[in-house]
């Protein structure tokens, strides 16, 4: 898998309870927007929901992002991806 390939994003569900905004993820992580989507490509973050007017991330994206930030600098993205798979083994994909 090419980690730089941008993931196809699912449509934003009509009701996304406790969804996280991209701005909040950016503020919490201190990383650029492109990095969030790189993490999606690595399956470190779940894909966001998108609509014509907004983007919303599943609630667990914030917890995962915080986890990733703690590991940056000590682990590779490949290692972090494996740790995420173990910690969040089966995350349902939004439809």
PDB file of N, CA and C in Angstrom:
ATOM      1  N   UNK A   1       0.840  -1.182   0.000  1.00  0.00           N
ATOM      2  CA  UNK A   1       0.000   0.000   0.000  1.00  0.00           C
ATOM      3  C   UNK A   1       0.877   1.235   0.000  1.00  0.00           C
ATOM      4  N   UNK A   2       0.525   2.178  -0.802  1.00  0.00           N
ATOM      5  CA  UNK A   2       1.255   3.438  -0.859  1.00  0.00           C
ATOM      6  C   UNK A   2       0.737   4.349   0.246  1.00  0.00           C
ATOM      7  N   UNK A   3       1.569   4.630   1.274  1.00  0.00           N
ATOM      8  CA  UNK A   3       1.099   5.439   2.394  1.00  0.00           C
ATOM      9  C   UNK A   3       0.785   6.877   2.021  1.00  0.00           C
ATOM     10  N   UNK A   4       1.243   7.341   0.890  1.00  0.00           N
ATOM     11  CA  UNK A   4       0.982   8.714   0.465  1.00  0.00           C
ATOM     12  C   UNK A   4      -0.318   8.846  -0.317  1.00  0.00           C
ATOM     13  N   UNK A   5      -0.888   7.708  -0.756  1.00  0.00           N
ATOM     14  CA  UNK A   5      -2.125   7.763  -1.525  1.00  0.00           C
ATOM     15  C   UNK A   5      -3.261   8.229  -0.638  1.00  0.00           C
ATOM     16  N   UNK A   6      -3.986   9.208  -1.071  1.00  0.00           N
ATOM     17  CA  UNK A   6      -5.098   9.762  -0.296  1.00  0.00           C
ATOM     18  C   UNK A   6      -6.256   8.773  -0.293  1.00  0.00           C
ATOM     19  N   UNK A   7      -6.760   8.473   0.877  1.00  0.00           N
ATOM     20  CA  UNK A   7      -7.863   7.528   1.012  1.00  0.00           C
ATOM     21  C   UNK A   7      -9.151   8.138   0.486  1.00  0.00           C
ATOM     22  N   UNK A   8      -9.995   7.300  -0.048  1.00  0.00           N
ATOM     23  CA  UNK A   8     -11.330   7.743  -0.460  1.00  0.00           C
ATOM     24  C   UNK A   8     -12.138   7.936   0.801  1.00  0.00           C
ATOM     25  N   UNK A   9     -12.784   9.071   0.917  1.00  0.00           N
ATOM     26  CA  UNK A   9     -13.488   9.407   2.141  1.00  0.00           C
ATOM     27  C   UNK A   9     -14.974   9.122   2.013  1.00  0.00           C
ATOM     28  N   UNK A  10     -15.568   8.491   3.034  1.00  0.00           N
ATOM     29  CA  UNK A  10     -17.004   8.216   2.988  1.00  0.00           C
ATOM     30  C   UNK A  10     -17.827   9.480   3.187  1.00  0.00           C
ATOM     31  N   UNK A  11     -19.056   9.430   2.755  1.00  0.00           N
ATOM     32  CA  UNK A  11     -19.965  10.568   2.937  1.00  0.00           C
ATOM     33  C   UNK A  11     -20.279  10.747   4.407  1.00  0.00           C
ATOM     34  N   UNK A  12     -20.496  11.973   4.802  1.00  0.00           N
ATOM     35  CA  UNK A  12     -20.830  12.301   6.183  1.00  0.00           C
ATOM     36  C   UNK A  12     -22.232  11.801   6.500  1.00  0.00           C
ATOM     37  N   UNK A  13     -22.383  10.977   7.543  1.00  0.00           N
ATOM     38  CA  UNK A  13     -23.719  10.519   7.888  1.00  0.00           C
ATOM     39  C   UNK A  13     -24.590  11.671   8.361  1.00  0.00           C
ATOM     40  N   UNK A  14     -25.868  11.503   8.222  1.00  0.00           N
ATOM     41  CA  UNK A  14     -26.810  12.554   8.610  1.00  0.00           C
ATOM     42  C   UNK A  14     -26.604  12.974  10.062  1.00  0.00           C
ATOM     43  N   UNK A  15     -26.366  11.995  10.912  1.00  0.00           N
ATOM     44  CA  UNK A  15     -26.118  12.293  12.321  1.00  0.00           C
ATOM     45  C   UNK A  15     -24.791  11.683  12.709  1.00  0.00           C
ATOM     46  N   UNK A  16     -23.812  12.504  12.984  1.00  0.00           N
ATOM     47  CA  UNK A  16     -22.501  12.033  13.414  1.00  0.00           C
ATOM     48  C   UNK A  16     -22.301  12.447  14.864  1.00  0.00           C
ATOM     49  N   UNK A  17     -22.751  11.599  15.813  1.00  0.00           N
ATOM     50  CA  UNK A  17     -22.681  11.975  17.228  1.00  0.00           C
ATOM     51  C   UNK A  17     -21.240  12.174  17.687  1.00  0.00           C
ATOM     52  N   UNK A  18     -21.012  13.260  18.380  1.00  0.00           N
ATOM     53  CA  UNK A  18     -19.713  13.564  18.967  1.00  0.00           C
ATOM     54  C   UNK A  18     -18.592  13.564  17.934  1.00  0.00           C
ATOM     55  N   UNK A  19     -18.901  13.930  16.715  1.00  0.00           N
ATOM     56  CA  UNK A  19     -17.879  13.976  15.674  1.00  0.00           C
ATOM     57  C   UNK A  19     -16.826  15.016  16.028  1.00  0.00           C
ATOM     58  N   UNK A  20     -15.626  14.797  15.532  1.00  0.00           N
ATOM     59  CA  UNK A  20     -14.494  15.677  15.797  1.00  0.00           C
ATOM     60  C   UNK A  20     -14.196  16.463  14.522  1.00  0.00           C
ATOM     61  N   UNK A  21     -13.934  17.730  14.665  1.00  0.00           N
ATOM     62  CA  UNK A  21     -13.620  18.542  13.491  1.00  0.00           C
ATOM     63  C   UNK A  21     -12.144  18.406  13.131  1.00  0.00           C
ATOM     64  N   UNK A  22     -11.849  18.705  11.886  1.00  0.00           N
ATOM     65  CA  UNK A  22     -10.449  18.708  11.444  1.00  0.00           C
ATOM     66  C   UNK A  22      -9.669  19.750  12.221  1.00  0.00           C
ATOM     67  N   UNK A  23     -10.272  20.908  12.447  1.00  0.00           N
ATOM     68  CA  UNK A  23      -9.588  21.969  13.206  1.00  0.00           C
ATOM     69  C   UNK A  23      -9.194  21.499  14.601  1.00  0.00           C
ATOM     70  N   UNK A  24     -10.070  20.742  15.235  1.00  0.00           N
ATOM     71  CA  UNK A  24      -9.743  20.249  16.580  1.00  0.00           C
ATOM     72  C   UNK A  24      -8.585  19.257  16.519  1.00  0.00           C
ATOM     73  N   UNK A  25      -8.605  18.346  15.528  1.00  0.00           N
ATOM     74  CA  UNK A  25      -7.493  17.401  15.382  1.00  0.00           C
ATOM     75  C   UNK A  25      -6.184  18.135  15.125  1.00  0.00           C
ATOM     76  N   UNK A  26      -6.226  19.154  14.283  1.00  0.00           N
ATOM     77  CA  UNK A  26      -5.023  19.919  13.986  1.00  0.00           C
ATOM     78  C   UNK A  26      -4.501  20.622  15.239  1.00  0.00           C
ATOM     79  N   UNK A  27      -5.395  21.193  16.018  1.00  0.00           N
ATOM     80  CA  UNK A  27      -5.002  21.882  17.253  1.00  0.00           C
ATOM     81  C   UNK A  27      -4.429  20.910  18.282  1.00  0.00           C
ATOM     82  N   UNK A  28      -5.050  19.748  18.411  1.00  0.00           N
ATOM     83  CA  UNK A  28      -4.608  18.757  19.404  1.00  0.00           C
ATOM     84  C   UNK A  28      -3.271  18.122  19.042  1.00  0.00           C
ATOM     85  N   UNK A  29      -3.029  17.940  17.747  1.00  0.00           N
ATOM     86  CA  UNK A  29      -1.821  17.227  17.324  1.00  0.00           C
ATOM     87  C   UNK A  29      -0.662  18.144  16.962  1.00  0.00           C
ATOM     88  N   UNK A  30      -0.977  19.346  16.481  1.00  0.00           N
ATOM     89  CA  UNK A  30       0.071  20.247  16.046  1.00  0.00           C
ATOM     90  C   UNK A  30       0.707  19.842  14.723  1.00  0.00           C
ATOM     91  N   UNK A  31       0.050  18.945  13.989  1.00  0.00           N
ATOM     92  CA  UNK A  31       0.587  18.506  12.699  1.00  0.00           C
ATOM     93  C   UNK A  31      -0.178  19.180  11.571  1.00  0.00           C
ATOM     94  N   UNK A  32       0.399  19.236  10.368  1.00  0.00           N
ATOM     95  CA  UNK A  32      -0.325  19.808   9.225  1.00  0.00           C
ATOM     96  C   UNK A  32      -1.470  18.897   8.769  1.00  0.00           C
ATOM     97  N   UNK A  33      -2.425  19.470   8.081  1.00  0.00           N
ATOM     98  CA  UNK A  33      -3.586  18.741   7.557  1.00  0.00           C
ATOM     99  C   UNK A  33      -3.156  17.530   6.708  1.00  0.00           C
ATOM    100  N   UNK A  34      -2.141  17.715   5.869  1.00  0.00           N
ATOM    101  CA  UNK A  34      -1.668  16.608   5.024  1.00  0.00           C
ATOM    102  C   UNK A  34      -1.225  15.410   5.856  1.00  0.00           C
ATOM    103  N   UNK A  35      -0.671  15.680   7.031  1.00  0.00           N
ATOM    104  CA  UNK A  35      -0.224  14.592   7.902  1.00  0.00           C
ATOM    105  C   UNK A  35      -1.406  13.768   8.393  1.00  0.00           C
ATOM    106  N   UNK A  36      -2.524  14.415   8.711  1.00  0.00           N
ATOM    107  CA  UNK A  36      -3.714  13.664   9.128  1.00  0.00           C
ATOM    108  C   UNK A  36      -4.120  12.672   8.042  1.00  0.00           C
ATOM    109  N   UNK A  37      -4.108  13.135   6.792  1.00  0.00           N
ATOM    110  CA  UNK A  37      -4.512  12.258   5.693  1.00  0.00           C
ATOM    111  C   UNK A  37      -3.457  11.194   5.386  1.00  0.00           C
ATOM    112  N   UNK A  38      -2.203  11.493   5.697  1.00  0.00           N
ATOM    113  CA  UNK A  38      -1.164  10.455   5.587  1.00  0.00           C
ATOM    114  C   UNK A  38      -1.440   9.365   6.622  1.00  0.00           C
ATOM    115  N   UNK A  39      -1.848   9.771   7.826  1.00  0.00           N
ATOM    116  CA  UNK A  39      -2.179   8.797   8.864  1.00  0.00           C
ATOM    117  C   UNK A  39      -3.392   7.961   8.462  1.00  0.00           C
ATOM    118  N   UNK A  40      -4.329   8.561   7.752  1.00  0.00           N
ATOM    119  CA  UNK A  40      -5.478   7.807   7.244  1.00  0.00           C
ATOM    120  C   UNK A  40      -4.976   6.757   6.251  1.00  0.00           C
ATOM    121  N   UNK A  41      -4.085   7.152   5.361  1.00  0.00           N
ATOM    122  CA  UNK A  41      -3.538   6.215   4.373  1.00  0.00           C
ATOM    123  C   UNK A  41      -2.804   5.055   5.041  1.00  0.00           C
ATOM    124  N   UNK A  42      -2.163   5.319   6.163  1.00  0.00           N
ATOM    125  CA  UNK A  42      -1.479   4.269   6.923  1.00  0.00           C
ATOM    126  C   UNK A  42      -2.463   3.483   7.803  1.00  0.00           C
ATOM    127  N   UNK A  43      -3.718   3.872   7.798  1.00  0.00           N
ATOM    128  CA  UNK A  43      -4.763   3.265   8.639  1.00  0.00           C
ATOM    129  C   UNK A  43      -4.506   3.482  10.126  1.00  0.00           C
ATOM    130  N   UNK A  44      -3.865   4.587  10.404  1.00  0.00           N
ATOM    131  CA  UNK A  44      -3.629   4.988  11.787  1.00  0.00           C
ATOM    132  C   UNK A  44      -4.844   5.738  12.311  1.00  0.00           C
ATOM    133  N   UNK A  45      -5.410   6.586  11.473  1.00  0.00           N
ATOM    134  CA  UNK A  45      -6.655   7.286  11.807  1.00  0.00           C
ATOM    135  C   UNK A  45      -7.783   6.721  10.955  1.00  0.00           C
ATOM    136  N   UNK A  46      -9.000   6.715  11.501  1.00  0.00           N
ATOM    137  CA  UNK A  46     -10.145   6.323  10.673  1.00  0.00           C
ATOM    138  C   UNK A  46     -10.425   7.399   9.636  1.00  0.00           C
ATOM    139  N   UNK A  47     -11.042   7.009   8.545  1.00  0.00           N
ATOM    140  CA  UNK A  47     -11.382   7.979   7.506  1.00  0.00           C
ATOM    141  C   UNK A  47     -12.443   8.941   8.015  1.00  0.00           C
ATOM    142  N   UNK A  48     -12.330  10.212   7.625  1.00  0.00           N
ATOM    143  CA  UNK A  48     -13.366  11.169   8.031  1.00  0.00           C
ATOM    144  C   UNK A  48     -14.601  11.023   7.159  1.00  0.00           C
ATOM    145  N   UNK A  49     -15.699  11.543   7.658  1.00  0.00           N
ATOM    146  CA  UNK A  49     -16.918  11.639   6.871  1.00  0.00           C
ATOM    147  C   UNK A  49     -16.869  12.987   6.171  1.00  0.00           C
ATOM    148  N   UNK A  50     -17.257  13.043   4.940  1.00  0.00           N
ATOM    149  CA  UNK A  50     -17.259  14.321   4.225  1.00  0.00           C
ATOM    150  C   UNK A  50     -18.612  14.568   3.583  1.00  0.00           C
ATOM    151  N   UNK A  51     -18.974  15.824   3.537  1.00  0.00           N
ATOM    152  CA  UNK A  51     -20.163  16.236   2.808  1.00  0.00           C
ATOM    153  C   UNK A  51     -19.758  17.438   1.979  1.00  0.00           C
ATOM    154  N   UNK A  52     -20.674  17.988   1.257  1.00  0.00           N
ATOM    155  CA  UNK A  52     -20.335  19.138   0.418  1.00  0.00           C
ATOM    156  C   UNK A  52     -19.934  20.354   1.244  1.00  0.00           C
ATOM    157  N   UNK A  53     -20.322  20.385   2.507  1.00  0.00           N
ATOM    158  CA  UNK A  53     -20.030  21.571   3.313  1.00  0.00           C
ATOM    159  C   UNK A  53     -19.146  21.325   4.530  1.00  0.00           C
ATOM    160  N   UNK A  54     -18.855  20.065   4.858  1.00  0.00           N
ATOM    161  CA  UNK A  54     -18.063  19.846   6.076  1.00  0.00           C
ATOM    162  C   UNK A  54     -17.344  18.501   6.059  1.00  0.00           C
ATOM    163  N   UNK A  55     -16.408  18.394   6.972  1.00  0.00           N
ATOM    164  CA  UNK A  55     -15.685  17.152   7.223  1.00  0.00           C
ATOM    165  C   UNK A  55     -15.794  16.883   8.710  1.00  0.00           C
ATOM    166  N   UNK A  56     -16.102  15.655   9.060  1.00  0.00           N
ATOM    167  CA  UNK A  56     -16.199  15.268  10.462  1.00  0.00           C
ATOM    168  C   UNK A  56     -15.486  13.936  10.643  1.00  0.00           C
ATOM    169  N   UNK A  57     -14.802  13.804  11.745  1.00  0.00           N
ATOM    170  CA  UNK A  57     -14.050  12.591  12.046  1.00  0.00           C
ATOM    171  C   UNK A  57     -14.791  11.797  13.114  1.00  0.00           C
ATOM    172  N   UNK A  58     -14.719  10.472  13.061  1.00  0.00           N
ATOM    173  CA  UNK A  58     -15.325   9.670  14.125  1.00  0.00           C
ATOM    174  C   UNK A  58     -14.724  10.056  15.477  1.00  0.00           C
ATOM    175  N   UNK A  59     -15.484   9.928  16.554  1.00  0.00           N
ATOM    176  CA  UNK A  59     -15.003  10.330  17.876  1.00  0.00           C
ATOM    177  C   UNK A  59     -13.660   9.715  18.264  1.00  0.00           C
ATOM    178  N   UNK A  60     -13.419   8.468  17.877  1.00  0.00           N
ATOM    179  CA  UNK A  60     -12.163   7.814  18.264  1.00  0.00           C
ATOM    180  C   UNK A  60     -10.940   8.412  17.571  1.00  0.00           C
ATOM    181  N   UNK A  61     -11.129   9.206  16.536  1.00  0.00           N
ATOM    182  CA  UNK A  61      -9.992   9.808  15.822  1.00  0.00           C
ATOM    183  C   UNK A  61      -9.157  10.666  16.763  1.00  0.00           C
ATOM    184  N   UNK A  62      -9.792  11.355  17.672  1.00  0.00           N
ATOM    185  CA  UNK A  62      -9.069  12.216  18.610  1.00  0.00           C
ATOM    186  C   UNK A  62      -8.199  11.375  19.545  1.00  0.00           C
ATOM    187  N   UNK A  63      -8.749  10.304  20.075  1.00  0.00           N
ATOM    188  CA  UNK A  63      -7.979   9.420  20.959  1.00  0.00           C
ATOM    189  C   UNK A  63      -6.801   8.809  20.203  1.00  0.00           C
ATOM    190  N   UNK A  64      -7.056   8.348  18.989  1.00  0.00           N
ATOM    191  CA  UNK A  64      -5.978   7.777  18.172  1.00  0.00           C
ATOM    192  C   UNK A  64      -4.909   8.808  17.877  1.00  0.00           C
ATOM    193  N   UNK A  65      -5.319  10.020  17.520  1.00  0.00           N
ATOM    194  CA  UNK A  65      -4.352  11.069  17.194  1.00  0.00           C
ATOM    195  C   UNK A  65      -3.461  11.379  18.395  1.00  0.00           C
ATOM    196  N   UNK A  66      -4.039  11.448  19.566  1.00  0.00           N
ATOM    197  CA  UNK A  66      -3.251  11.687  20.777  1.00  0.00           C
ATOM    198  C   UNK A  66      -2.245  10.556  20.996  1.00  0.00           C
ATOM    199  N   UNK A  67      -2.680   9.320  20.767  1.00  0.00           N
ATOM    200  CA  UNK A  67      -1.819   8.150  20.889  1.00  0.00           C
ATOM    201  C   UNK A  67      -0.641   8.257  19.921  1.00  0.00           C
ATOM    202  N   UNK A  68      -0.920   8.633  18.681  1.00  0.00           N
ATOM    203  CA  UNK A  68       0.115   8.752  17.655  1.00  0.00           C
ATOM    204  C   UNK A  68       1.127   9.828  18.031  1.00  0.00           C
ATOM    205  N   UNK A  69       0.645  10.971  18.476  1.00  0.00           N
ATOM    206  CA  UNK A  69       1.537  12.074  18.840  1.00  0.00           C
ATOM    207  C   UNK A  69       2.506  11.639  19.941  1.00  0.00           C
ATOM    208  N   UNK A  70       2.023  10.844  20.890  1.00  0.00           N
ATOM    209  CA  UNK A  70       2.892  10.345  21.964  1.00  0.00           C
ATOM    210  C   UNK A  70       4.021   9.480  21.412  1.00  0.00           C
ATOM    211  N   UNK A  71       3.758   8.767  20.319  1.00  0.00           N
ATOM    212  CA  UNK A  71       4.738   7.831  19.769  1.00  0.00           C
ATOM    213  C   UNK A  71       5.656   8.432  18.712  1.00  0.00           C
ATOM    214  N   UNK A  72       5.260   9.559  18.138  1.00  0.00           N
ATOM    215  CA  UNK A  72       6.089  10.184  17.101  1.00  0.00           C
ATOM    216  C   UNK A  72       7.484  10.480  17.652  1.00  0.00           C
ATOM    217  N   UNK A  73       8.472  10.225  16.851  1.00  0.00           N
ATOM    218  CA  UNK A  73       9.850  10.468  17.269  1.00  0.00           C
ATOM    219  C   UNK A  73      10.504   9.249  17.887  1.00  0.00           C
ATOM    220  N   UNK A  74       9.684   8.291  18.352  1.00  0.00           N
ATOM    221  CA  UNK A  74      10.250   7.070  18.933  1.00  0.00           C
ATOM    222  C   UNK A  74       9.884   5.834  18.120  1.00  0.00           C
ATOM    223  N   UNK A  75       8.906   5.969  17.242  1.00  0.00           N
ATOM    224  CA  UNK A  75       8.449   4.846  16.410  1.00  0.00           C
ATOM    225  C   UNK A  75       8.242   5.312  14.985  1.00  0.00           C
ATOM    226  N   UNK A  76       8.341   4.383  14.044  1.00  0.00           N
ATOM    227  CA  UNK A  76       8.046   4.696  12.644  1.00  0.00           C
ATOM    228  C   UNK A  76       6.534   4.638  12.439  1.00  0.00           C
ATOM    229  N   UNK A  77       6.051   5.201  11.327  1.00  0.00           N
ATOM    230  CA  UNK A  77       4.623   5.119  11.024  1.00  0.00           C
ATOM    231  C   UNK A  77       4.190   3.666  10.846  1.00  0.00           C
ATOM    232  N   UNK A  78       5.051   2.846  10.311  1.00  0.00           N
ATOM    233  CA  UNK A  78       4.726   1.422  10.163  1.00  0.00           C
ATOM    234  C   UNK A  78       4.524   0.772  11.531  1.00  0.00           C
ATOM    235  N   UNK A  79       5.421   1.064  12.480  1.00  0.00           N
ATOM    236  CA  UNK A  79       5.273   0.527  13.835  1.00  0.00           C
ATOM    237  C   UNK A  79       4.020   1.073  14.513  1.00  0.00           C
ATOM    238  N   UNK A  80       3.777   2.370  14.351  1.00  0.00           N
ATOM    239  CA  UNK A  80       2.591   2.980  14.946  1.00  0.00           C
ATOM    240  C   UNK A  80       1.332   2.353  14.361  1.00  0.00           C
ATOM    241  N   UNK A  81       1.333   2.107  13.059  1.00  0.00           N
ATOM    242  CA  UNK A  81       0.186   1.473  12.413  1.00  0.00           C
ATOM    243  C   UNK A  81      -0.110   0.107  13.028  1.00  0.00           C
ATOM    244  N   UNK A  82       0.925  -0.663  13.274  1.00  0.00           N
ATOM    245  CA  UNK A  82       0.733  -1.984  13.902  1.00  0.00           C
ATOM    246  C   UNK A  82       0.196  -1.853  15.324  1.00  0.00           C
ATOM    247  N   UNK A  83       0.703  -0.890  16.078  1.00  0.00           N
ATOM    248  CA  UNK A  83       0.208  -0.666  17.438  1.00  0.00           C
ATOM    249  C   UNK A  83      -1.252  -0.230  17.435  1.00  0.00           C
ATOM    250  N   UNK A  84      -1.622   0.600  16.476  1.00  0.00           N
ATOM    251  CA  UNK A  84      -3.014   1.043  16.357  1.00  0.00           C
ATOM    252  C   UNK A  84      -3.911  -0.144  16.037  1.00  0.00           C
ATOM    253  N   UNK A  85      -3.471  -1.021  15.131  1.00  0.00           N
ATOM    254  CA  UNK A  85      -4.267  -2.209  14.783  1.00  0.00           C
ATOM    255  C   UNK A  85      -4.518  -3.077  16.005  1.00  0.00           C
ATOM    256  N   UNK A  86      -3.527  -3.179  16.884  1.00  0.00           N
ATOM    257  CA  UNK A  86      -3.700  -3.988  18.100  1.00  0.00           C
ATOM    258  C   UNK A  86      -4.620  -3.304  19.105  1.00  0.00           C
ATOM    259  N   UNK A  87      -4.482  -1.995  19.220  1.00  0.00           N
ATOM    260  CA  UNK A  87      -5.276  -1.262  20.216  1.00  0.00           C
ATOM    261  C   UNK A  87      -6.723  -1.073  19.769  1.00  0.00           C
ATOM    262  N   UNK A  88      -6.936  -0.878  18.464  1.00  0.00           N
ATOM    263  CA  UNK A  88      -8.271  -0.715  17.885  1.00  0.00           C
ATOM    264  C   UNK A  88      -8.431  -1.777  16.803  1.00  0.00           C
ATOM    265  N   UNK A  89      -8.612  -3.041  17.189  1.00  0.00           N
ATOM    266  CA  UNK A  89      -8.556  -4.143  16.226  1.00  0.00           C
ATOM    267  C   UNK A  89      -9.610  -4.140  15.108  1.00  0.00           C
ATOM    268  N   UNK A  90     -10.802  -3.813  15.420  1.00  0.00           N
ATOM    269  CA  UNK A  90     -11.800  -3.840  14.343  1.00  0.00           C
ATOM    270  C   UNK A  90     -12.696  -2.637  14.465  1.00  0.00           C
ATOM    271  N   UNK A  91     -12.311  -1.631  13.758  1.00  0.00           N
ATOM    272  CA  UNK A  91     -13.096  -0.410  13.755  1.00  0.00           C
ATOM    273  C   UNK A  91     -14.025  -0.458  12.552  1.00  0.00           C
ATOM    274  N   UNK A  92     -15.336  -0.429  12.783  1.00  0.00           N
ATOM    275  CA  UNK A  92     -16.239  -0.449  11.636  1.00  0.00           C
ATOM    276  C   UNK A  92     -16.062   0.791  10.775  1.00  0.00           C
ATOM    277  N   UNK A  93     -16.123   0.609   9.482  1.00  0.00           N
ATOM    278  CA  UNK A  93     -15.995   1.721   8.539  1.00  0.00           C
ATOM    279  C   UNK A  93     -17.342   2.413   8.421  1.00  0.00           C
ATOM    280  N   UNK A  94     -17.337   3.737   8.427  1.00  0.00           N
ATOM    281  CA  UNK A  94     -18.606   4.440   8.226  1.00  0.00           C
ATOM    282  C   UNK A  94     -19.156   4.148   6.850  1.00  0.00           C
ATOM    283  N   UNK A  95     -20.457   4.117   6.724  1.00  0.00           N
ATOM    284  CA  UNK A  95     -21.051   3.856   5.410  1.00  0.00           C
ATOM    285  C   UNK A  95     -21.665   5.099   4.828  1.00  0.00           C
TER     286      UNK A  95
END
